[in-house]
Amino acid sequence: MLFRDRADAGRELAAKLWVYADDPSVLVLALPRGGVPVGFEVARLLRVPLDIFLVRKLGVPGHEELAMGAIASGGIRVLNEEVAGRIPAEAINAVAARERRELERREHAYRGDRPPADVRRRKVILVDDGLATGTTMRAAIAALRRLGPARIVVAVPVGSRETCAEFQHEADEAVCARMPMPFYAVGLWYEDFSQTTDEEVRELLETATGEPMPQL
């Protein structure tokens, strides 16, 4: 019961979100890079606009796969205190500065001078390719709350049962198409979980918006 790839996962996820189809107040915001192919299919099938929302994980130095927090557009930083509490503040700040530079690079690469979509009073479907610890998604929600959306819906094709339950309280709604037990890791539930490239993100946004994206 694996997804073939992120596009396949997006199509299954869209079926769980059909109540939002053709709603002019709905906006899909995908988390680059892996969330964009998923979000593209969701937006396409629901016939609603697609944009991106940039978030970067803060990995523990020397153990980057372990998240100690995340940063998001708008200057938001969220820390996992259980992990970050054991890391010196200088090390956290150094990682955050590096990831902010990458966040700014991607912002320019993906949208150039095109302004972000206005989320005020809109129903925002926040899409990623899966939920494990949820640190990145929490940063995205914290940043979006400042922008005044009417509703935030977290939507992923697959996630940890415990984390998906937590997001029922942290967002206005959480939709996890599959919650396998045991979970282990997001990538285990995809046949093809190869890294999404910057070029693929740009091409999908260009197709969705009908606007040419900046050349890299």
N, C-alpha and C. Protein backbone atom coordinates (compact mmCIF):
# COMPACT_ATOMS: atom_id res chain seq x y z
N MET A 1 0.82 -1.20 0.00
CA MET A 1 0.00 0.00 0.00
C MET A 1 0.86 1.26 0.00
N LEU A 2 1.92 1.28 -0.81
CA LEU A 2 2.77 2.46 -0.90
C LEU A 2 2.23 3.42 -1.96
N PHE A 3 2.47 4.72 -1.76
CA PHE A 3 2.23 5.67 -2.82
C PHE A 3 3.30 5.47 -3.90
N ARG A 4 2.93 5.63 -5.15
CA ARG A 4 3.94 5.52 -6.20
C ARG A 4 4.95 6.66 -6.09
N ASP A 5 4.45 7.86 -5.91
CA ASP A 5 5.30 9.03 -5.78
C ASP A 5 4.47 10.14 -5.15
N ARG A 6 5.00 11.34 -5.09
CA ARG A 6 4.30 12.44 -4.42
C ARG A 6 3.05 12.88 -5.19
N ALA A 7 3.09 12.78 -6.51
CA ALA A 7 1.90 13.13 -7.29
C ALA A 7 0.75 12.16 -6.99
N ASP A 8 1.06 10.89 -6.94
CA ASP A 8 0.06 9.88 -6.59
C ASP A 8 -0.51 10.16 -5.20
N ALA A 9 0.37 10.52 -4.26
CA ALA A 9 -0.06 10.83 -2.90
C ALA A 9 -0.97 12.05 -2.89
N GLY A 10 -0.65 13.06 -3.71
CA GLY A 10 -1.48 14.26 -3.78
C GLY A 10 -2.88 13.97 -4.29
N ARG A 11 -2.98 13.07 -5.24
CA ARG A 11 -4.30 12.72 -5.76
C ARG A 11 -5.16 12.04 -4.70
N GLU A 12 -4.54 11.15 -3.93
CA GLU A 12 -5.30 10.51 -2.86
C GLU A 12 -5.69 11.52 -1.78
N LEU A 13 -4.78 12.42 -1.46
CA LEU A 13 -5.07 13.43 -0.45
C LEU A 13 -6.20 14.36 -0.89
N ALA A 14 -6.21 14.72 -2.16
CA ALA A 14 -7.27 15.60 -2.68
C ALA A 14 -8.65 15.00 -2.46
N ALA A 15 -8.76 13.68 -2.59
CA ALA A 15 -10.05 13.03 -2.39
C ALA A 15 -10.57 13.21 -0.97
N LYS A 16 -9.65 13.40 0.00
CA LYS A 16 -10.04 13.59 1.39
C LYS A 16 -10.42 15.05 1.68
N LEU A 17 -10.19 15.92 0.69
CA LEU A 17 -10.40 17.36 0.89
C LEU A 17 -11.48 17.90 -0.04
N TRP A 18 -12.33 17.01 -0.53
CA TRP A 18 -13.27 17.40 -1.58
C TRP A 18 -14.24 18.50 -1.14
N VAL A 19 -14.46 18.65 0.15
CA VAL A 19 -15.36 19.68 0.65
C VAL A 19 -14.86 21.08 0.29
N TYR A 20 -13.56 21.19 -0.01
CA TYR A 20 -12.99 22.50 -0.34
C TYR A 20 -12.91 22.77 -1.84
N ALA A 21 -13.41 21.85 -2.66
CA ALA A 21 -13.32 22.02 -4.10
C ALA A 21 -14.13 23.23 -4.57
N ASP A 22 -13.57 23.96 -5.53
CA ASP A 22 -14.24 25.10 -6.18
C ASP A 22 -14.63 26.21 -5.21
N ASP A 23 -14.00 26.27 -4.06
CA ASP A 23 -14.28 27.32 -3.07
C ASP A 23 -13.33 28.49 -3.34
N PRO A 24 -13.84 29.66 -3.72
CA PRO A 24 -12.96 30.78 -4.06
C PRO A 24 -12.17 31.34 -2.88
N SER A 25 -12.53 30.95 -1.67
CA SER A 25 -11.79 31.43 -0.50
C SER A 25 -10.64 30.50 -0.11
N VAL A 26 -10.49 29.38 -0.82
CA VAL A 26 -9.47 28.37 -0.47
C VAL A 26 -8.17 28.64 -1.23
N LEU A 27 -7.07 28.44 -0.53
CA LEU A 27 -5.73 28.55 -1.10
C LEU A 27 -4.90 27.38 -0.60
N VAL A 28 -4.22 26.69 -1.50
CA VAL A 28 -3.28 25.63 -1.12
C VAL A 28 -1.89 26.24 -1.00
N LEU A 29 -1.26 26.07 0.15
CA LEU A 29 0.12 26.47 0.36
C LEU A 29 0.94 25.21 0.58
N ALA A 30 1.89 24.96 -0.31
CA ALA A 30 2.73 23.77 -0.22
C ALA A 30 4.07 24.12 0.39
N LEU A 31 4.61 23.21 1.20
CA LEU A 31 5.92 23.40 1.82
C LEU A 31 6.99 22.84 0.89
N PRO A 32 7.85 23.70 0.33
CA PRO A 32 8.93 23.21 -0.54
C PRO A 32 9.96 22.42 0.25
N ARG A 33 10.63 21.43 -0.37
CA ARG A 33 10.35 21.16 -1.76
C ARG A 33 9.36 20.02 -1.90
N GLY A 34 9.44 19.03 -1.00
CA GLY A 34 8.65 17.81 -1.17
C GLY A 34 7.15 17.99 -1.15
N GLY A 35 6.67 19.04 -0.50
CA GLY A 35 5.23 19.26 -0.45
C GLY A 35 4.65 19.82 -1.73
N VAL A 36 5.50 20.35 -2.62
CA VAL A 36 4.98 21.03 -3.81
C VAL A 36 4.34 20.06 -4.80
N PRO A 37 4.96 18.92 -5.14
CA PRO A 37 4.26 17.99 -6.04
C PRO A 37 2.94 17.48 -5.45
N VAL A 38 2.89 17.33 -4.14
CA VAL A 38 1.64 16.91 -3.49
C VAL A 38 0.62 18.03 -3.58
N GLY A 39 1.03 19.24 -3.21
CA GLY A 39 0.12 20.37 -3.24
C GLY A 39 -0.36 20.72 -4.64
N PHE A 40 0.50 20.51 -5.64
CA PHE A 40 0.10 20.78 -7.02
C PHE A 40 -1.11 19.94 -7.40
N GLU A 41 -1.07 18.63 -7.06
CA GLU A 41 -2.19 17.75 -7.39
C GLU A 41 -3.44 18.11 -6.59
N VAL A 42 -3.26 18.46 -5.33
CA VAL A 42 -4.41 18.86 -4.50
C VAL A 42 -5.07 20.09 -5.11
N ALA A 43 -4.28 21.12 -5.42
CA ALA A 43 -4.84 22.36 -5.98
C ALA A 43 -5.49 22.11 -7.34
N ARG A 44 -4.84 21.28 -8.16
CA ARG A 44 -5.37 21.01 -9.49
C ARG A 44 -6.73 20.32 -9.42
N LEU A 45 -6.83 19.31 -8.57
CA LEU A 45 -8.07 18.54 -8.50
C LEU A 45 -9.18 19.29 -7.77
N LEU A 46 -8.82 20.13 -6.81
CA LEU A 46 -9.84 20.92 -6.10
C LEU A 46 -10.19 22.20 -6.87
N ARG A 47 -9.38 22.49 -7.88
CA ARG A 47 -9.57 23.69 -8.72
C ARG A 47 -9.51 24.96 -7.86
N VAL A 48 -8.40 25.06 -7.12
CA VAL A 48 -8.12 26.23 -6.28
C VAL A 48 -6.67 26.65 -6.51
N PRO A 49 -6.29 27.87 -6.13
CA PRO A 49 -4.92 28.34 -6.39
C PRO A 49 -3.88 27.62 -5.54
N LEU A 50 -2.64 27.63 -6.06
CA LEU A 50 -1.48 27.05 -5.37
C LEU A 50 -0.41 28.11 -5.18
N ASP A 51 0.20 28.12 -4.00
CA ASP A 51 1.40 28.92 -3.75
C ASP A 51 2.28 28.11 -2.81
N ILE A 52 3.41 28.68 -2.43
CA ILE A 52 4.33 28.00 -1.53
C ILE A 52 4.46 28.77 -0.22
N PHE A 53 4.88 28.05 0.82
CA PHE A 53 5.20 28.68 2.09
C PHE A 53 6.50 28.03 2.57
N LEU A 54 7.52 28.87 2.74
CA LEU A 54 8.86 28.35 2.99
C LEU A 54 9.14 28.13 4.46
N VAL A 55 9.61 26.94 4.78
CA VAL A 55 9.99 26.56 6.14
C VAL A 55 11.27 25.75 6.03
N ARG A 56 12.19 25.95 6.97
CA ARG A 56 13.46 25.21 6.99
C ARG A 56 13.65 24.56 8.36
N LYS A 57 13.96 23.27 8.33
CA LYS A 57 14.26 22.55 9.57
C LYS A 57 15.62 22.98 10.11
N LEU A 58 15.72 23.07 11.43
CA LEU A 58 17.00 23.32 12.10
C LEU A 58 17.50 21.99 12.63
N GLY A 59 18.53 21.44 11.99
CA GLY A 59 19.06 20.15 12.40
C GLY A 59 20.12 20.29 13.47
N VAL A 60 20.21 19.33 14.36
CA VAL A 60 21.23 19.31 15.40
C VAL A 60 22.60 19.18 14.74
N PRO A 61 23.56 20.05 15.09
CA PRO A 61 24.89 19.96 14.48
C PRO A 61 25.50 18.56 14.66
N GLY A 62 25.92 17.97 13.55
CA GLY A 62 26.48 16.63 13.58
C GLY A 62 25.44 15.54 13.47
N HIS A 63 24.19 15.89 13.69
CA HIS A 63 23.07 14.92 13.58
C HIS A 63 21.91 15.65 12.90
N GLU A 64 22.15 16.12 11.68
CA GLU A 64 21.22 17.03 11.01
C GLU A 64 19.84 16.43 10.77
N GLU A 65 19.76 15.09 10.76
CA GLU A 65 18.45 14.48 10.55
C GLU A 65 17.53 14.68 11.76
N LEU A 66 18.10 15.01 12.91
CA LEU A 66 17.32 15.24 14.12
C LEU A 66 16.96 16.72 14.21
N ALA A 67 15.68 17.03 14.20
CA ALA A 67 15.23 18.42 14.20
C ALA A 67 15.21 18.98 15.62
N MET A 68 15.86 20.13 15.78
CA MET A 68 15.76 20.85 17.05
C MET A 68 14.83 22.05 16.92
N GLY A 69 14.31 22.27 15.73
CA GLY A 69 13.39 23.37 15.52
C GLY A 69 13.24 23.65 14.04
N ALA A 70 12.67 24.80 13.73
CA ALA A 70 12.48 25.20 12.34
C ALA A 70 12.29 26.70 12.28
N ILE A 71 12.54 27.27 11.09
CA ILE A 71 12.25 28.67 10.83
C ILE A 71 11.32 28.75 9.63
N ALA A 72 10.58 29.86 9.54
CA ALA A 72 9.63 30.04 8.44
C ALA A 72 9.66 31.48 7.98
N SER A 73 9.12 31.70 6.79
CA SER A 73 8.98 33.05 6.28
C SER A 73 8.26 33.92 7.31
N GLY A 74 8.71 35.16 7.42
CA GLY A 74 8.10 36.06 8.40
C GLY A 74 8.88 36.14 9.69
N GLY A 75 10.08 35.53 9.73
CA GLY A 75 10.92 35.64 10.92
C GLY A 75 10.52 34.74 12.07
N ILE A 76 9.73 33.71 11.79
CA ILE A 76 9.27 32.80 12.85
C ILE A 76 10.33 31.73 13.11
N ARG A 77 10.59 31.47 14.39
CA ARG A 77 11.47 30.37 14.78
C ARG A 77 10.77 29.56 15.87
N VAL A 78 10.66 28.27 15.64
CA VAL A 78 10.04 27.36 16.60
C VAL A 78 11.08 26.34 17.01
N LEU A 79 11.25 26.14 18.32
CA LEU A 79 12.24 25.19 18.83
C LEU A 79 11.55 24.03 19.53
N ASN A 80 12.12 22.86 19.35
CA ASN A 80 11.72 21.68 20.11
C ASN A 80 12.57 21.68 21.38
N GLU A 81 12.00 22.14 22.48
CA GLU A 81 12.79 22.38 23.69
C GLU A 81 13.43 21.10 24.24
N GLU A 82 12.79 19.95 23.99
CA GLU A 82 13.37 18.69 24.47
C GLU A 82 14.74 18.44 23.83
N VAL A 83 14.88 18.89 22.58
CA VAL A 83 16.15 18.70 21.87
C VAL A 83 17.01 19.96 21.99
N ALA A 84 16.43 21.11 21.70
CA ALA A 84 17.21 22.35 21.68
C ALA A 84 17.74 22.74 23.05
N GLY A 85 17.08 22.27 24.10
CA GLY A 85 17.53 22.61 25.46
C GLY A 85 18.90 22.06 25.79
N ARG A 86 19.38 21.09 25.01
CA ARG A 86 20.70 20.50 25.24
C ARG A 86 21.76 21.07 24.30
N ILE A 87 21.36 22.04 23.44
CA ILE A 87 22.28 22.60 22.45
C ILE A 87 22.63 24.04 22.85
N PRO A 88 23.91 24.42 22.82
CA PRO A 88 24.29 25.80 23.14
C PRO A 88 23.58 26.81 22.24
N ALA A 89 23.22 27.96 22.81
CA ALA A 89 22.49 28.98 22.06
C ALA A 89 23.26 29.44 20.82
N GLU A 90 24.60 29.52 20.94
CA GLU A 90 25.41 29.97 19.80
C GLU A 90 25.29 29.00 18.63
N ALA A 91 25.24 27.70 18.94
CA ALA A 91 25.13 26.70 17.89
C ALA A 91 23.75 26.78 17.22
N ILE A 92 22.72 26.99 18.00
CA ILE A 92 21.37 27.13 17.45
C ILE A 92 21.30 28.34 16.53
N ASN A 93 21.87 29.47 16.98
CA ASN A 93 21.84 30.70 16.18
C ASN A 93 22.62 30.54 14.88
N ALA A 94 23.73 29.80 14.93
CA ALA A 94 24.53 29.60 13.72
C ALA A 94 23.76 28.77 12.70
N VAL A 95 23.10 27.71 13.16
CA VAL A 95 22.30 26.88 12.26
C VAL A 95 21.14 27.69 11.69
N ALA A 96 20.49 28.49 12.55
CA ALA A 96 19.35 29.29 12.11
C ALA A 96 19.78 30.31 11.05
N ALA A 97 20.95 30.92 11.23
CA ALA A 97 21.43 31.90 10.25
C ALA A 97 21.70 31.24 8.91
N ARG A 98 22.30 30.04 8.93
CA ARG A 98 22.57 29.33 7.69
C ARG A 98 21.28 28.95 6.97
N GLU A 99 20.31 28.46 7.74
CA GLU A 99 19.06 28.04 7.13
C GLU A 99 18.25 29.24 6.63
N ARG A 100 18.38 30.40 7.30
CA ARG A 100 17.67 31.58 6.82
C ARG A 100 18.24 32.03 5.47
N ARG A 101 19.55 31.91 5.29
CA ARG A 101 20.11 32.26 3.99
C ARG A 101 19.55 31.35 2.89
N GLU A 102 19.42 30.06 3.21
CA GLU A 102 18.85 29.12 2.24
C GLU A 102 17.38 29.42 2.00
N LEU A 103 16.65 29.79 3.04
CA LEU A 103 15.24 30.13 2.89
C LEU A 103 15.10 31.33 1.96
N GLU A 104 15.94 32.34 2.15
CA GLU A 104 15.87 33.53 1.30
C GLU A 104 16.26 33.21 -0.14
N ARG A 105 17.25 32.32 -0.31
CA ARG A 105 17.64 31.91 -1.67
C ARG A 105 16.48 31.24 -2.39
N ARG A 106 15.81 30.35 -1.68
CA ARG A 106 14.69 29.64 -2.30
C ARG A 106 13.54 30.59 -2.59
N GLU A 107 13.28 31.51 -1.68
CA GLU A 107 12.20 32.48 -1.90
C GLU A 107 12.42 33.19 -3.24
N HIS A 108 13.64 33.62 -3.47
CA HIS A 108 13.94 34.33 -4.72
C HIS A 108 13.89 33.37 -5.91
N ALA A 109 14.45 32.18 -5.75
CA ALA A 109 14.48 31.22 -6.85
C ALA A 109 13.09 30.80 -7.28
N TYR A 110 12.18 30.63 -6.33
CA TYR A 110 10.86 30.10 -6.65
C TYR A 110 9.88 31.17 -7.11
N ARG A 111 10.00 32.39 -6.54
CA ARG A 111 8.99 33.38 -6.89
C ARG A 111 9.56 34.68 -7.45
N GLY A 112 10.88 34.89 -7.35
CA GLY A 112 11.45 36.12 -7.86
C GLY A 112 10.83 37.32 -7.17
N ASP A 113 10.28 38.24 -7.96
CA ASP A 113 9.64 39.44 -7.41
C ASP A 113 8.14 39.27 -7.23
N ARG A 114 7.62 38.09 -7.56
CA ARG A 114 6.17 37.87 -7.40
C ARG A 114 5.83 37.81 -5.93
N PRO A 115 4.89 38.64 -5.47
CA PRO A 115 4.57 38.66 -4.03
C PRO A 115 3.86 37.38 -3.60
N PRO A 116 3.99 37.02 -2.33
CA PRO A 116 3.25 35.86 -1.82
C PRO A 116 1.74 36.09 -1.93
N ALA A 117 1.00 35.00 -1.99
CA ALA A 117 -0.46 35.09 -2.02
C ALA A 117 -0.97 35.72 -0.73
N ASP A 118 -2.02 36.51 -0.84
CA ASP A 118 -2.65 37.12 0.33
C ASP A 118 -3.52 36.07 1.02
N VAL A 119 -3.20 35.75 2.27
CA VAL A 119 -3.94 34.70 2.98
C VAL A 119 -5.01 35.26 3.91
N ARG A 120 -5.12 36.57 3.99
CA ARG A 120 -6.08 37.16 4.93
C ARG A 120 -7.49 36.70 4.63
N ARG A 121 -8.16 36.19 5.69
CA ARG A 121 -9.55 35.75 5.65
C ARG A 121 -9.79 34.60 4.66
N ARG A 122 -8.72 33.88 4.31
CA ARG A 122 -8.87 32.75 3.41
C ARG A 122 -8.72 31.44 4.18
N LYS A 123 -9.27 30.38 3.61
CA LYS A 123 -9.08 29.03 4.14
C LYS A 123 -7.81 28.48 3.49
N VAL A 124 -6.79 28.26 4.30
CA VAL A 124 -5.50 27.84 3.80
C VAL A 124 -5.31 26.35 4.06
N ILE A 125 -5.04 25.59 2.99
CA ILE A 125 -4.70 24.17 3.13
C ILE A 125 -3.19 24.08 3.03
N LEU A 126 -2.57 23.74 4.14
CA LEU A 126 -1.11 23.69 4.26
C LEU A 126 -0.66 22.25 4.00
N VAL A 127 0.08 22.04 2.92
CA VAL A 127 0.37 20.69 2.43
C VAL A 127 1.86 20.36 2.52
N ASP A 128 2.16 19.16 3.02
CA ASP A 128 3.51 18.61 2.94
C ASP A 128 3.39 17.16 2.50
N ASP A 129 4.54 16.50 2.27
CA ASP A 129 4.48 15.11 1.81
C ASP A 129 4.34 14.11 2.94
N GLY A 130 4.36 14.58 4.20
CA GLY A 130 4.15 13.69 5.33
C GLY A 130 4.40 14.40 6.63
N LEU A 131 3.98 13.78 7.72
CA LEU A 131 4.16 14.31 9.07
C LEU A 131 4.85 13.26 9.94
N ALA A 132 6.04 13.59 10.42
CA ALA A 132 6.73 12.72 11.38
C ALA A 132 6.66 13.38 12.75
N THR A 133 7.64 14.22 13.08
CA THR A 133 7.60 14.94 14.37
C THR A 133 6.70 16.16 14.29
N GLY A 134 6.53 16.73 13.09
CA GLY A 134 5.66 17.89 12.93
C GLY A 134 6.32 19.23 13.20
N THR A 135 7.63 19.26 13.47
CA THR A 135 8.30 20.51 13.81
C THR A 135 8.18 21.54 12.69
N THR A 136 8.42 21.13 11.46
CA THR A 136 8.36 22.06 10.34
C THR A 136 6.95 22.60 10.16
N MET A 137 5.96 21.74 10.27
CA MET A 137 4.57 22.17 10.11
C MET A 137 4.16 23.13 11.22
N ARG A 138 4.65 22.92 12.43
CA ARG A 138 4.33 23.84 13.52
C ARG A 138 4.86 25.24 13.24
N ALA A 139 6.06 25.32 12.68
CA ALA A 139 6.62 26.62 12.32
C ALA A 139 5.75 27.30 11.26
N ALA A 140 5.29 26.52 10.30
CA ALA A 140 4.44 27.08 9.25
C ALA A 140 3.13 27.62 9.83
N ILE A 141 2.52 26.86 10.73
CA ILE A 141 1.27 27.31 11.34
C ILE A 141 1.49 28.59 12.14
N ALA A 142 2.56 28.64 12.92
CA ALA A 142 2.85 29.83 13.73
C ALA A 142 3.02 31.06 12.86
N ALA A 143 3.70 30.91 11.73
CA ALA A 143 3.90 32.04 10.82
C ALA A 143 2.59 32.45 10.16
N LEU A 144 1.80 31.47 9.73
CA LEU A 144 0.54 31.78 9.05
C LEU A 144 -0.46 32.47 9.96
N ARG A 145 -0.48 32.09 11.22
CA ARG A 145 -1.43 32.72 12.15
C ARG A 145 -1.27 34.23 12.17
N ARG A 146 -0.04 34.71 12.02
CA ARG A 146 0.23 36.15 12.04
C ARG A 146 -0.36 36.86 10.82
N LEU A 147 -0.64 36.09 9.77
CA LEU A 147 -1.10 36.69 8.52
C LEU A 147 -2.62 36.76 8.41
N GLY A 148 -3.32 36.24 9.39
CA GLY A 148 -4.77 36.42 9.46
C GLY A 148 -5.64 35.56 8.58
N PRO A 149 -5.31 34.27 8.36
CA PRO A 149 -6.23 33.43 7.59
C PRO A 149 -7.49 33.12 8.38
N ALA A 150 -8.56 32.79 7.67
CA ALA A 150 -9.80 32.42 8.33
C ALA A 150 -9.72 31.01 8.92
N ARG A 151 -8.93 30.15 8.28
CA ARG A 151 -8.87 28.75 8.70
C ARG A 151 -7.56 28.15 8.19
N ILE A 152 -6.93 27.31 9.00
CA ILE A 152 -5.73 26.59 8.59
C ILE A 152 -6.01 25.09 8.65
N VAL A 153 -5.86 24.45 7.51
CA VAL A 153 -6.07 23.01 7.41
C VAL A 153 -4.71 22.37 7.09
N VAL A 154 -4.21 21.55 7.98
CA VAL A 154 -2.99 20.79 7.72
C VAL A 154 -3.39 19.53 6.95
N ALA A 155 -2.72 19.30 5.81
CA ALA A 155 -3.10 18.16 4.98
C ALA A 155 -1.85 17.44 4.48
N VAL A 156 -1.77 16.15 4.76
CA VAL A 156 -0.63 15.33 4.32
C VAL A 156 -1.13 13.97 3.87
N PRO A 157 -0.41 13.33 2.95
CA PRO A 157 -0.81 11.99 2.52
C PRO A 157 -0.60 10.93 3.60
N VAL A 158 0.44 11.09 4.43
CA VAL A 158 0.77 10.07 5.42
C VAL A 158 1.40 10.72 6.63
N GLY A 159 1.12 10.17 7.80
CA GLY A 159 1.69 10.75 9.00
C GLY A 159 1.60 9.81 10.19
N SER A 160 2.39 10.13 11.19
CA SER A 160 2.32 9.42 12.46
C SER A 160 0.95 9.66 13.10
N ARG A 161 0.35 8.60 13.60
CA ARG A 161 -0.97 8.74 14.21
C ARG A 161 -0.96 9.74 15.36
N GLU A 162 0.10 9.70 16.18
CA GLU A 162 0.18 10.61 17.32
C GLU A 162 0.33 12.05 16.87
N THR A 163 1.18 12.29 15.88
CA THR A 163 1.39 13.66 15.40
C THR A 163 0.14 14.21 14.72
N CYS A 164 -0.51 13.39 13.93
CA CYS A 164 -1.75 13.84 13.28
C CYS A 164 -2.80 14.21 14.31
N ALA A 165 -2.87 13.46 15.40
CA ALA A 165 -3.83 13.78 16.46
C ALA A 165 -3.49 15.11 17.12
N GLU A 166 -2.20 15.38 17.32
CA GLU A 166 -1.79 16.65 17.91
C GLU A 166 -2.21 17.83 17.04
N PHE A 167 -2.13 17.67 15.73
CA PHE A 167 -2.45 18.78 14.84
C PHE A 167 -3.94 19.05 14.74
N GLN A 168 -4.77 18.14 15.22
CA GLN A 168 -6.19 18.45 15.31
C GLN A 168 -6.42 19.62 16.26
N HIS A 169 -5.51 19.82 17.19
CA HIS A 169 -5.63 20.93 18.15
C HIS A 169 -4.77 22.12 17.74
N GLU A 170 -3.68 21.89 17.04
CA GLU A 170 -2.77 22.97 16.68
C GLU A 170 -3.23 23.73 15.44
N ALA A 171 -3.94 23.06 14.54
CA ALA A 171 -4.55 23.71 13.38
C ALA A 171 -6.06 23.70 13.58
N ASP A 172 -6.78 24.30 12.65
CA ASP A 172 -8.25 24.25 12.73
C ASP A 172 -8.77 22.89 12.29
N GLU A 173 -7.97 22.20 11.47
CA GLU A 173 -8.32 20.86 11.00
C GLU A 173 -7.04 20.19 10.53
N ALA A 174 -6.95 18.89 10.71
CA ALA A 174 -5.82 18.13 10.21
C ALA A 174 -6.34 16.92 9.44
N VAL A 175 -5.86 16.78 8.20
CA VAL A 175 -6.27 15.66 7.35
C VAL A 175 -5.03 14.86 7.01
N CYS A 176 -4.95 13.65 7.53
CA CYS A 176 -3.88 12.71 7.19
C CYS A 176 -4.53 11.55 6.45
N ALA A 177 -4.25 11.44 5.16
CA ALA A 177 -4.93 10.43 4.35
C ALA A 177 -4.66 9.02 4.86
N ARG A 178 -3.42 8.77 5.33
CA ARG A 178 -3.07 7.46 5.89
C ARG A 178 -2.27 7.66 7.17
N MET A 179 -2.54 6.82 8.15
CA MET A 179 -1.82 6.84 9.43
C MET A 179 -1.40 5.41 9.78
N PRO A 180 -0.41 4.88 9.08
CA PRO A 180 -0.01 3.47 9.29
C PRO A 180 0.62 3.26 10.66
N MET A 181 0.46 2.05 11.14
CA MET A 181 1.08 1.65 12.41
C MET A 181 1.85 0.34 12.19
N PRO A 182 3.14 0.27 12.56
CA PRO A 182 3.96 1.39 13.03
C PRO A 182 4.34 2.30 11.88
N PHE A 183 4.75 3.53 12.21
CA PHE A 183 4.97 4.56 11.20
C PHE A 183 6.43 4.62 10.73
N TYR A 184 7.35 4.79 11.63
CA TYR A 184 8.80 4.88 11.40
C TYR A 184 9.23 6.17 10.69
N ALA A 185 8.93 6.32 9.38
CA ALA A 185 9.41 7.50 8.66
C ALA A 185 8.54 7.73 7.42
N VAL A 186 8.44 9.00 7.00
CA VAL A 186 7.60 9.36 5.85
C VAL A 186 8.04 8.61 4.60
N GLY A 187 9.34 8.60 4.31
CA GLY A 187 9.84 8.04 3.06
C GLY A 187 9.55 6.57 2.86
N LEU A 188 9.30 5.85 3.93
CA LEU A 188 9.03 4.41 3.82
C LEU A 188 7.70 4.11 3.13
N TRP A 189 6.83 5.12 3.01
CA TRP A 189 5.51 4.90 2.46
C TRP A 189 5.38 5.35 1.00
N TYR A 190 6.54 5.62 0.39
CA TYR A 190 6.60 5.99 -1.03
C TYR A 190 7.52 5.03 -1.77
N GLU A 191 7.09 4.57 -2.95
CA GLU A 191 8.00 3.81 -3.81
C GLU A 191 9.12 4.73 -4.31
N ASP A 192 8.75 5.94 -4.72
CA ASP A 192 9.72 6.93 -5.19
C ASP A 192 9.67 8.13 -4.25
N PHE A 193 10.69 8.26 -3.42
CA PHE A 193 10.78 9.40 -2.49
C PHE A 193 12.05 10.20 -2.79
N SER A 194 12.42 10.23 -4.07
CA SER A 194 13.61 10.98 -4.47
C SER A 194 13.39 12.46 -4.22
N GLN A 195 14.48 13.17 -4.02
CA GLN A 195 14.40 14.58 -3.65
C GLN A 195 13.80 15.41 -4.78
N THR A 196 12.86 16.28 -4.42
CA THR A 196 12.29 17.23 -5.37
C THR A 196 13.31 18.34 -5.60
N THR A 197 13.54 18.70 -6.85
CA THR A 197 14.54 19.72 -7.16
C THR A 197 13.92 21.11 -7.21
N ASP A 198 14.79 22.13 -7.15
CA ASP A 198 14.33 23.51 -7.31
C ASP A 198 13.65 23.69 -8.66
N GLU A 199 14.21 23.08 -9.70
CA GLU A 199 13.64 23.21 -11.04
C GLU A 199 12.23 22.63 -11.10
N GLU A 200 12.02 21.49 -10.45
CA GLU A 200 10.67 20.89 -10.42
C GLU A 200 9.69 21.80 -9.70
N VAL A 201 10.13 22.40 -8.60
CA VAL A 201 9.25 23.34 -7.87
C VAL A 201 8.86 24.49 -8.77
N ARG A 202 9.83 25.08 -9.46
CA ARG A 202 9.57 26.21 -10.34
C ARG A 202 8.61 25.82 -11.46
N GLU A 203 8.83 24.65 -12.06
CA GLU A 203 7.97 24.21 -13.16
C GLU A 203 6.53 24.00 -12.70
N LEU A 204 6.35 23.41 -11.53
CA LEU A 204 5.00 23.18 -11.02
C LEU A 204 4.30 24.49 -10.69
N LEU A 205 5.03 25.44 -10.11
CA LEU A 205 4.44 26.74 -9.80
C LEU A 205 4.08 27.49 -11.08
N GLU A 206 4.94 27.37 -12.07
CA GLU A 206 4.67 28.03 -13.34
C GLU A 206 3.42 27.45 -13.99
N THR A 207 3.27 26.14 -13.94
CA THR A 207 2.08 25.49 -14.49
C THR A 207 0.84 25.91 -13.72
N ALA A 208 0.94 25.96 -12.39
CA ALA A 208 -0.22 26.25 -11.56
C ALA A 208 -0.67 27.71 -11.69
N THR A 209 0.29 28.61 -11.76
CA THR A 209 -0.05 30.04 -11.77
C THR A 209 -0.21 30.61 -13.17
N GLY A 210 0.38 29.92 -14.16
CA GLY A 210 0.35 30.46 -15.51
C GLY A 210 1.30 31.62 -15.70
N GLU A 211 2.21 31.82 -14.71
CA GLU A 211 3.17 32.91 -14.78
C GLU A 211 4.57 32.34 -14.86
N PRO A 212 5.44 32.92 -15.69
CA PRO A 212 6.82 32.43 -15.76
C PRO A 212 7.55 32.71 -14.47
N MET A 213 8.29 31.71 -13.98
CA MET A 213 9.08 31.86 -12.78
C MET A 213 10.48 32.38 -13.17
N PRO A 214 11.21 32.97 -12.23
CA PRO A 214 12.55 33.49 -12.54
C PRO A 214 13.50 32.38 -12.94
N GLN A 215 14.42 32.71 -13.81
CA GLN A 215 15.44 31.74 -14.22
C GLN A 215 16.48 31.62 -13.10
N LEU A 216 16.91 30.37 -12.83
CA LEU A 216 17.91 30.14 -11.79
C LEU A 216 19.30 30.52 -12.31
